[in-house]
Amino acid sequence: MVLETLAFGLFALVTVGASLGVVLVRDVWHSALFLGLALSSVAIHYVMLSAEFLAVIQILVYIGGVLVLITFGVMLTRPDETVEVQA
């Protein structure tokens, strides 16, 4: 019972820390990575509650869908950082 409480506390701190990272980090790419960490931690909470189906749906829909969509959005909207040399 003590081990379960410690695991819950650890993953609760990871969830809160990653959620704060999503909001406070200025780079969109790092914010998306923190979002993936926060959503993964929520999936672990579902596993701890014996709700494995919800954990799988959390991973497939949110991490697999939403996070990939954000990643493509970041990659496609970044300005081109190459500098052309004038001859």
PDB file of N, CA and C in Angstrom:
ATOM      1  N   MET A   1       0.822  -1.195   0.000  1.00  0.00           N
ATOM      2  CA  MET A   1       0.000   0.000   0.000  1.00  0.00           C
ATOM      3  C   MET A   1       0.866   1.259   0.000  1.00  0.00           C
ATOM      4  N   VAL A   2       1.963   1.228   0.715  1.00  0.00           N
ATOM      5  CA  VAL A   2       2.851   2.388   0.774  1.00  0.00           C
ATOM      6  C   VAL A   2       3.516   2.607  -0.583  1.00  0.00           C
ATOM      7  N   LEU A   3       3.865   1.507  -1.257  1.00  0.00           N
ATOM      8  CA  LEU A   3       4.495   1.613  -2.568  1.00  0.00           C
ATOM      9  C   LEU A   3       3.544   2.239  -3.592  1.00  0.00           C
ATOM     10  N   GLU A   4       2.269   1.886  -3.512  1.00  0.00           N
ATOM     11  CA  GLU A   4       1.276   2.475  -4.419  1.00  0.00           C
ATOM     12  C   GLU A   4       1.122   3.976  -4.162  1.00  0.00           C
ATOM     13  N   THR A   5       1.139   4.352  -2.899  1.00  0.00           N
ATOM     14  CA  THR A   5       1.025   5.765  -2.547  1.00  0.00           C
ATOM     15  C   THR A   5       2.241   6.547  -3.033  1.00  0.00           C
ATOM     16  N   LEU A   6       3.425   5.973  -2.882  1.00  0.00           N
ATOM     17  CA  LEU A   6       4.636   6.633  -3.373  1.00  0.00           C
ATOM     18  C   LEU A   6       4.626   6.759  -4.898  1.00  0.00           C
ATOM     19  N   ALA A   7       4.174   5.711  -5.589  1.00  0.00           N
ATOM     20  CA  ALA A   7       4.091   5.769  -7.053  1.00  0.00           C
ATOM     21  C   ALA A   7       3.085   6.824  -7.493  1.00  0.00           C
ATOM     22  N   PHE A   8       1.944   6.874  -6.805  1.00  0.00           N
ATOM     23  CA  PHE A   8       0.954   7.900  -7.139  1.00  0.00           C
ATOM     24  C   PHE A   8       1.518   9.296  -6.928  1.00  0.00           C
ATOM     25  N   GLY A   9       2.197   9.513  -5.822  1.00  0.00           N
ATOM     26  CA  GLY A   9       2.793  10.822  -5.548  1.00  0.00           C
ATOM     27  C   GLY A   9       3.848  11.193  -6.575  1.00  0.00           C
ATOM     28  N   LEU A  10       4.664  10.222  -6.971  1.00  0.00           N
ATOM     29  CA  LEU A  10       5.699  10.484  -7.969  1.00  0.00           C
ATOM     30  C   LEU A  10       5.074  10.886  -9.299  1.00  0.00           C
ATOM     31  N   PHE A  11       4.088  10.122  -9.758  1.00  0.00           N
ATOM     32  CA  PHE A  11       3.479  10.438 -11.046  1.00  0.00           C
ATOM     33  C   PHE A  11       2.601  11.684 -10.978  1.00  0.00           C
ATOM     34  N   ALA A  12       2.071  11.989  -9.800  1.00  0.00           N
ATOM     35  CA  ALA A  12       1.335  13.250  -9.650  1.00  0.00           C
ATOM     36  C   ALA A  12       2.286  14.434  -9.788  1.00  0.00           C
ATOM     37  N   LEU A  13       3.476  14.323  -9.193  1.00  0.00           N
ATOM     38  CA  LEU A  13       4.474  15.394  -9.342  1.00  0.00           C
ATOM     39  C   LEU A  13       4.946  15.519 -10.790  1.00  0.00           C
ATOM     40  N   VAL A  14       5.113  14.379 -11.469  1.00  0.00           N
ATOM     41  CA  VAL A  14       5.509  14.423 -12.879  1.00  0.00           C
ATOM     42  C   VAL A  14       4.429  15.090 -13.710  1.00  0.00           C
ATOM     43  N   THR A  15       3.159  14.766 -13.434  1.00  0.00           N
ATOM     44  CA  THR A  15       2.055  15.357 -14.183  1.00  0.00           C
ATOM     45  C   THR A  15       1.980  16.861 -13.963  1.00  0.00           C
ATOM     46  N   VAL A  16       2.075  17.291 -12.727  1.00  0.00           N
ATOM     47  CA  VAL A  16       2.003  18.723 -12.421  1.00  0.00           C
ATOM     48  C   VAL A  16       3.212  19.460 -12.996  1.00  0.00           C
ATOM     49  N   GLY A  17       4.395  18.876 -12.861  1.00  0.00           N
ATOM     50  CA  GLY A  17       5.597  19.511 -13.395  1.00  0.00           C
ATOM     51  C   GLY A  17       5.568  19.631 -14.908  1.00  0.00           C
ATOM     52  N   ALA A  18       5.135  18.560 -15.584  1.00  0.00           N
ATOM     53  CA  ALA A  18       5.056  18.607 -17.040  1.00  0.00           C
ATOM     54  C   ALA A  18       3.973  19.579 -17.501  1.00  0.00           C
ATOM     55  N   SER A  19       2.877  19.663 -16.763  1.00  0.00           N
ATOM     56  CA  SER A  19       1.816  20.612 -17.120  1.00  0.00           C
ATOM     57  C   SER A  19       2.296  22.050 -16.965  1.00  0.00           C
ATOM     58  N   LEU A  20       3.054  22.308 -15.922  1.00  0.00           N
ATOM     59  CA  LEU A  20       3.649  23.638 -15.779  1.00  0.00           C
ATOM     60  C   LEU A  20       4.658  23.915 -16.885  1.00  0.00           C
ATOM     61  N   GLY A  21       5.375  22.875 -17.301  1.00  0.00           N
ATOM     62  CA  GLY A  21       6.311  23.033 -18.412  1.00  0.00           C
ATOM     63  C   GLY A  21       5.611  23.382 -19.706  1.00  0.00           C
ATOM     64  N   VAL A  22       4.430  22.798 -19.935  1.00  0.00           N
ATOM     65  CA  VAL A  22       3.658  23.118 -21.145  1.00  0.00           C
ATOM     66  C   VAL A  22       3.310  24.594 -21.176  1.00  0.00           C
ATOM     67  N   VAL A  23       2.935  25.138 -20.039  1.00  0.00           N
ATOM     68  CA  VAL A  23       2.469  26.518 -19.991  1.00  0.00           C
ATOM     69  C   VAL A  23       3.633  27.517 -19.954  1.00  0.00           C
ATOM     70  N   LEU A  24       4.706  27.190 -19.275  1.00  0.00           N
ATOM     71  CA  LEU A  24       5.759  28.171 -19.022  1.00  0.00           C
ATOM     72  C   LEU A  24       6.889  28.192 -20.047  1.00  0.00           C
ATOM     73  N   VAL A  25       7.054  27.119 -20.813  1.00  0.00           N
ATOM     74  CA  VAL A  25       8.150  27.071 -21.772  1.00  0.00           C
ATOM     75  C   VAL A  25       7.785  27.904 -22.998  1.00  0.00           C
ATOM     76  N   ARG A  26       8.750  28.662 -23.508  1.00  0.00           N
ATOM     77  CA  ARG A  26       8.463  29.551 -24.633  1.00  0.00           C
ATOM     78  C   ARG A  26       8.549  28.848 -25.983  1.00  0.00           C
ATOM     79  N   ASP A  27       9.344  27.812 -26.097  1.00  0.00           N
ATOM     80  CA  ASP A  27       9.494  27.104 -27.367  1.00  0.00           C
ATOM     81  C   ASP A  27       8.331  26.137 -27.556  1.00  0.00           C
ATOM     82  N   VAL A  28       7.702  26.189 -28.721  1.00  0.00           N
ATOM     83  CA  VAL A  28       6.525  25.360 -28.976  1.00  0.00           C
ATOM     84  C   VAL A  28       6.890  23.883 -29.028  1.00  0.00           C
ATOM     85  N   TRP A  29       8.051  23.564 -29.564  1.00  0.00           N
ATOM     86  CA  TRP A  29       8.473  22.166 -29.654  1.00  0.00           C
ATOM     87  C   TRP A  29       8.666  21.569 -28.260  1.00  0.00           C
ATOM     88  N   HIS A  30       9.319  22.301 -27.369  1.00  0.00           N
ATOM     89  CA  HIS A  30       9.509  21.804 -26.011  1.00  0.00           C
ATOM     90  C   HIS A  30       8.178  21.725 -25.264  1.00  0.00           C
ATOM     91  N   SER A  31       7.297  22.637 -25.539  1.00  0.00           N
ATOM     92  CA  SER A  31       5.969  22.592 -24.946  1.00  0.00           C
ATOM     93  C   SER A  31       5.222  21.332 -25.387  1.00  0.00           C
ATOM     94  N   ALA A  32       5.350  20.958 -26.654  1.00  0.00           N
ATOM     95  CA  ALA A  32       4.716  19.733 -27.145  1.00  0.00           C
ATOM     96  C   ALA A  32       5.321  18.503 -26.483  1.00  0.00           C
ATOM     97  N   LEU A  33       6.621  18.514 -26.252  1.00  0.00           N
ATOM     98  CA  LEU A  33       7.251  17.382 -25.559  1.00  0.00           C
ATOM     99  C   LEU A  33       6.774  17.279 -24.113  1.00  0.00           C
ATOM    100  N   PHE A  34       6.638  18.406 -23.446  1.00  0.00           N
ATOM    101  CA  PHE A  34       6.092  18.393 -22.094  1.00  0.00           C
ATOM    102  C   PHE A  34       4.645  17.907 -22.086  1.00  0.00           C
ATOM    103  N   LEU A  35       3.883  18.263 -23.121  1.00  0.00           N
ATOM    104  CA  LEU A  35       2.509  17.782 -23.226  1.00  0.00           C
ATOM    105  C   LEU A  35       2.472  16.268 -23.372  1.00  0.00           C
ATOM    106  N   GLY A  36       3.386  15.726 -24.158  1.00  0.00           N
ATOM    107  CA  GLY A  36       3.477  14.272 -24.287  1.00  0.00           C
ATOM    108  C   GLY A  36       3.811  13.608 -22.966  1.00  0.00           C
ATOM    109  N   LEU A  37       4.697  14.209 -22.201  1.00  0.00           N
ATOM    110  CA  LEU A  37       5.040  13.667 -20.883  1.00  0.00           C
ATOM    111  C   LEU A  37       3.849  13.726 -19.933  1.00  0.00           C
ATOM    112  N   ALA A  38       3.127  14.834 -19.954  1.00  0.00           N
ATOM    113  CA  ALA A  38       1.960  14.977 -19.080  1.00  0.00           C
ATOM    114  C   ALA A  38       0.870  13.972 -19.450  1.00  0.00           C
ATOM    115  N   LEU A  39       0.618  13.801 -20.740  1.00  0.00           N
ATOM    116  CA  LEU A  39      -0.408  12.848 -21.163  1.00  0.00           C
ATOM    117  C   LEU A  39       0.003  11.409 -20.876  1.00  0.00           C
ATOM    118  N   SER A  40       1.281  11.103 -20.994  1.00  0.00           N
ATOM    119  CA  SER A  40       1.766   9.768 -20.636  1.00  0.00           C
ATOM    120  C   SER A  40       1.601   9.508 -19.147  1.00  0.00           C
ATOM    121  N   SER A  41       1.858  10.510 -18.351  1.00  0.00           N
ATOM    122  CA  SER A  41       1.697  10.360 -16.911  1.00  0.00           C
ATOM    123  C   SER A  41       0.233  10.149 -16.532  1.00  0.00           C
ATOM    124  N   VAL A  42      -0.667  10.809 -17.236  1.00  0.00           N
ATOM    125  CA  VAL A  42      -2.101  10.586 -16.994  1.00  0.00           C
ATOM    126  C   VAL A  42      -2.477   9.162 -17.379  1.00  0.00           C
ATOM    127  N   ALA A  43      -1.895   8.634 -18.456  1.00  0.00           N
ATOM    128  CA  ALA A  43      -2.149   7.244 -18.842  1.00  0.00           C
ATOM    129  C   ALA A  43      -1.663   6.279 -17.762  1.00  0.00           C
ATOM    130  N   ILE A  44      -0.566   6.602 -17.127  1.00  0.00           N
ATOM    131  CA  ILE A  44      -0.067   5.762 -16.029  1.00  0.00           C
ATOM    132  C   ILE A  44      -1.022   5.815 -14.842  1.00  0.00           C
ATOM    133  N   HIS A  45      -1.614   6.973 -14.599  1.00  0.00           N
ATOM    134  CA  HIS A  45      -2.622   7.068 -13.541  1.00  0.00           C
ATOM    135  C   HIS A  45      -3.806   6.160 -13.844  1.00  0.00           C
ATOM    136  N   TYR A  46      -4.221   6.096 -15.111  1.00  0.00           N
ATOM    137  CA  TYR A  46      -5.315   5.204 -15.489  1.00  0.00           C
ATOM    138  C   TYR A  46      -4.951   3.738 -15.246  1.00  0.00           C
ATOM    139  N   VAL A  47      -3.711   3.377 -15.534  1.00  0.00           N
ATOM    140  CA  VAL A  47      -3.266   1.999 -15.274  1.00  0.00           C
ATOM    141  C   VAL A  47      -3.295   1.710 -13.781  1.00  0.00           C
ATOM    142  N   MET A  48      -2.893   2.685 -12.974  1.00  0.00           N
ATOM    143  CA  MET A  48      -2.911   2.492 -11.522  1.00  0.00           C
ATOM    144  C   MET A  48      -4.333   2.336 -10.992  1.00  0.00           C
ATOM    145  N   LEU A  49      -5.318   2.894 -11.704  1.00  0.00           N
ATOM    146  CA  LEU A  49      -6.720   2.764 -11.313  1.00  0.00           C
ATOM    147  C   LEU A  49      -7.380   1.534 -11.905  1.00  0.00           C
ATOM    148  N   SER A  50      -6.594   0.669 -12.569  1.00  0.00           N
ATOM    149  CA  SER A  50      -7.083  -0.542 -13.234  1.00  0.00           C
ATOM    150  C   SER A  50      -8.056  -0.216 -14.353  1.00  0.00           C
ATOM    151  N   ALA A  51      -7.820   0.873 -15.047  1.00  0.00           N
ATOM    152  CA  ALA A  51      -8.619   1.264 -16.206  1.00  0.00           C
ATOM    153  C   ALA A  51      -7.706   1.218 -17.430  1.00  0.00           C
ATOM    154  N   GLU A  52      -7.305  -0.003 -17.803  1.00  0.00           N
ATOM    155  CA  GLU A  52      -6.345  -0.171 -18.878  1.00  0.00           C
ATOM    156  C   GLU A  52      -6.883   0.297 -20.220  1.00  0.00           C
ATOM    157  N   PHE A  53      -8.190   0.117 -20.454  1.00  0.00           N
ATOM    158  CA  PHE A  53      -8.774   0.558 -21.712  1.00  0.00           C
ATOM    159  C   PHE A  53      -8.644   2.073 -21.872  1.00  0.00           C
ATOM    160  N   LEU A  54      -8.915   2.807 -20.807  1.00  0.00           N
ATOM    161  CA  LEU A  54      -8.765   4.266 -20.873  1.00  0.00           C
ATOM    162  C   LEU A  54      -7.305   4.674 -21.084  1.00  0.00           C
ATOM    163  N   ALA A  55      -6.385   3.912 -20.502  1.00  0.00           N
ATOM    164  CA  ALA A  55      -4.965   4.211 -20.694  1.00  0.00           C
ATOM    165  C   ALA A  55      -4.563   4.009 -22.154  1.00  0.00           C
ATOM    166  N   VAL A  56      -5.055   2.938 -22.768  1.00  0.00           N
ATOM    167  CA  VAL A  56      -4.742   2.690 -24.176  1.00  0.00           C
ATOM    168  C   VAL A  56      -5.362   3.764 -25.062  1.00  0.00           C
ATOM    169  N   ILE A  57      -6.598   4.139 -24.780  1.00  0.00           N
ATOM    170  CA  ILE A  57      -7.242   5.194 -25.545  1.00  0.00           C
ATOM    171  C   ILE A  57      -6.506   6.519 -25.357  1.00  0.00           C
ATOM    172  N   GLN A  58      -6.052   6.786 -24.150  1.00  0.00           N
ATOM    173  CA  GLN A  58      -5.269   8.001 -23.873  1.00  0.00           C
ATOM    174  C   GLN A  58      -4.018   8.030 -24.739  1.00  0.00           C
ATOM    175  N   ILE A  59      -3.336   6.917 -24.816  1.00  0.00           N
ATOM    176  CA  ILE A  59      -2.104   6.861 -25.599  1.00  0.00           C
ATOM    177  C   ILE A  59      -2.397   6.956 -27.090  1.00  0.00           C
ATOM    178  N   LEU A  60      -3.389   6.202 -27.563  1.00  0.00           N
ATOM    179  CA  LEU A  60      -3.671   6.201 -28.999  1.00  0.00           C
ATOM    180  C   LEU A  60      -4.231   7.522 -29.493  1.00  0.00           C
ATOM    181  N   VAL A  61      -5.221   8.053 -28.803  1.00  0.00           N
ATOM    182  CA  VAL A  61      -5.903   9.244 -29.295  1.00  0.00           C
ATOM    183  C   VAL A  61      -5.099  10.499 -28.998  1.00  0.00           C
ATOM    184  N   TYR A  62      -4.741  10.702 -27.746  1.00  0.00           N
ATOM    185  CA  TYR A  62      -4.120  11.969 -27.390  1.00  0.00           C
ATOM    186  C   TYR A  62      -2.640  12.008 -27.770  1.00  0.00           C
ATOM    187  N   ILE A  63      -1.886  11.012 -27.361  1.00  0.00           N
ATOM    188  CA  ILE A  63      -0.462  11.042 -27.668  1.00  0.00           C
ATOM    189  C   ILE A  63      -0.231  10.726 -29.137  1.00  0.00           C
ATOM    190  N   GLY A  64      -0.934   9.722 -29.645  1.00  0.00           N
ATOM    191  CA  GLY A  64      -0.740   9.336 -31.035  1.00  0.00           C
ATOM    192  C   GLY A  64      -1.356  10.289 -32.027  1.00  0.00           C
ATOM    193  N   GLY A  65      -2.443  10.929 -31.684  1.00  0.00           N
ATOM    194  CA  GLY A  65      -3.134  11.799 -32.626  1.00  0.00           C
ATOM    195  C   GLY A  65      -2.845  13.261 -32.419  1.00  0.00           C
ATOM    196  N   VAL A  66      -3.183  13.763 -31.266  1.00  0.00           N
ATOM    197  CA  VAL A  66      -3.065  15.191 -31.000  1.00  0.00           C
ATOM    198  C   VAL A  66      -1.601  15.629 -30.997  1.00  0.00           C
ATOM    199  N   LEU A  67      -0.749  14.854 -30.364  1.00  0.00           N
ATOM    200  CA  LEU A  67       0.656  15.255 -30.290  1.00  0.00           C
ATOM    201  C   LEU A  67       1.334  15.185 -31.649  1.00  0.00           C
ATOM    202  N   VAL A  68       0.977  14.201 -32.464  1.00  0.00           N
ATOM    203  CA  VAL A  68       1.532  14.131 -33.821  1.00  0.00           C
ATOM    204  C   VAL A  68       1.034  15.311 -34.652  1.00  0.00           C
ATOM    205  N   LEU A  69      -0.220  15.691 -34.480  1.00  0.00           N
ATOM    206  CA  LEU A  69      -0.762  16.854 -35.184  1.00  0.00           C
ATOM    207  C   LEU A  69      -0.023  18.132 -34.786  1.00  0.00           C
ATOM    208  N   ILE A  70       0.235  18.298 -33.503  1.00  0.00           N
ATOM    209  CA  ILE A  70       0.989  19.472 -33.046  1.00  0.00           C
ATOM    210  C   ILE A  70       2.405  19.444 -33.609  1.00  0.00           C
ATOM    211  N   THR A  71       3.024  18.255 -33.644  1.00  0.00           N
ATOM    212  CA  THR A  71       4.382  18.130 -34.173  1.00  0.00           C
ATOM    213  C   THR A  71       4.437  18.515 -35.643  1.00  0.00           C
ATOM    214  N   PHE A  72       3.478  18.030 -36.435  1.00  0.00           N
ATOM    215  CA  PHE A  72       3.451  18.417 -37.843  1.00  0.00           C
ATOM    216  C   PHE A  72       3.183  19.907 -37.999  1.00  0.00           C
ATOM    217  N   GLY A  73       2.319  20.446 -37.181  1.00  0.00           N
ATOM    218  CA  GLY A  73       2.065  21.881 -37.235  1.00  0.00           C
ATOM    219  C   GLY A  73       3.298  22.694 -36.932  1.00  0.00           C
ATOM    220  N   VAL A  74       4.081  22.265 -35.965  1.00  0.00           N
ATOM    221  CA  VAL A  74       5.320  22.972 -35.625  1.00  0.00           C
ATOM    222  C   VAL A  74       6.317  22.858 -36.762  1.00  0.00           C
ATOM    223  N   MET A  75       6.455  21.646 -37.322  1.00  0.00           N
ATOM    224  CA  MET A  75       7.440  21.455 -38.384  1.00  0.00           C
ATOM    225  C   MET A  75       7.074  22.215 -39.654  1.00  0.00           C
ATOM    226  N   LEU A  76       5.796  22.315 -39.971  1.00  0.00           N
ATOM    227  CA  LEU A  76       5.390  22.947 -41.220  1.00  0.00           C
ATOM    228  C   LEU A  76       5.294  24.465 -41.127  1.00  0.00           C
ATOM    229  N   THR A  77       5.204  25.018 -39.927  1.00  0.00           N
ATOM    230  CA  THR A  77       5.054  26.464 -39.807  1.00  0.00           C
ATOM    231  C   THR A  77       6.323  27.171 -39.348  1.00  0.00           C
ATOM    232  N   ARG A  78       7.368  26.444 -39.085  1.00  0.00           N
ATOM    233  CA  ARG A  78       8.621  27.091 -38.702  1.00  0.00           C
ATOM    234  C   ARG A  78       9.210  27.819 -39.892  1.00  0.00           C
ATOM    235  N   PRO A  79       9.772  29.003 -39.667  1.00  0.00           N
ATOM    236  CA  PRO A  79      10.412  29.715 -40.789  1.00  0.00           C
ATOM    237  C   PRO A  79      11.691  28.999 -41.210  1.00  0.00           C
ATOM    238  N   ASP A  80      12.006  29.159 -42.467  1.00  0.00           N
ATOM    239  CA  ASP A  80      13.220  28.549 -42.978  1.00  0.00           C
ATOM    240  C   ASP A  80      14.413  29.312 -42.414  1.00  0.00           C
ATOM    241  N   GLU A  81      15.292  28.591 -41.739  1.00  0.00           N
ATOM    242  CA  GLU A  81      16.401  29.238 -41.050  1.00  0.00           C
ATOM    243  C   GLU A  81      17.686  29.267 -41.884  1.00  0.00           C
ATOM    244  N   THR A  82      17.614  28.795 -43.117  1.00  0.00           N
ATOM    245  CA  THR A  82      18.804  28.851 -43.944  1.00  0.00           C
ATOM    246  C   THR A  82      18.984  30.258 -44.487  1.00  0.00           C
ATOM    247  N   VAL A  83      20.203  30.676 -44.514  1.00  0.00           N
ATOM    248  CA  VAL A  83      20.544  32.015 -44.983  1.00  0.00           C
ATOM    249  C   VAL A  83      21.221  31.887 -46.336  1.00  0.00           C
ATOM    250  N   GLU A  84      20.678  32.571 -47.317  1.00  0.00           N
ATOM    251  CA  GLU A  84      21.285  32.522 -48.640  1.00  0.00           C
ATOM    252  C   GLU A  84      22.444  33.512 -48.697  1.00  0.00           C
ATOM    253  N   VAL A  85      23.525  33.074 -49.303  1.00  0.00           N
ATOM    254  CA  VAL A  85      24.719  33.898 -49.425  1.00  0.00           C
ATOM    255  C   VAL A  85      24.626  34.657 -50.743  1.00  0.00           C
ATOM    256  N   GLN A  86      24.749  35.980 -50.656  1.00  0.00           N
ATOM    257  CA  GLN A  86      24.713  36.824 -51.856  1.00  0.00           C
ATOM    258  C   GLN A  86      26.100  36.811 -52.512  1.00  0.00           C
ATOM    259  N   ALA A  87      26.128  36.488 -53.792  1.00  0.00           N
ATOM    260  CA  ALA A  87      27.424  36.436 -54.492  1.00  0.00           C
ATOM    261  C   ALA A  87      27.741  37.735 -55.183  1.00  0.00           C
TER     262      ALA A  87
END
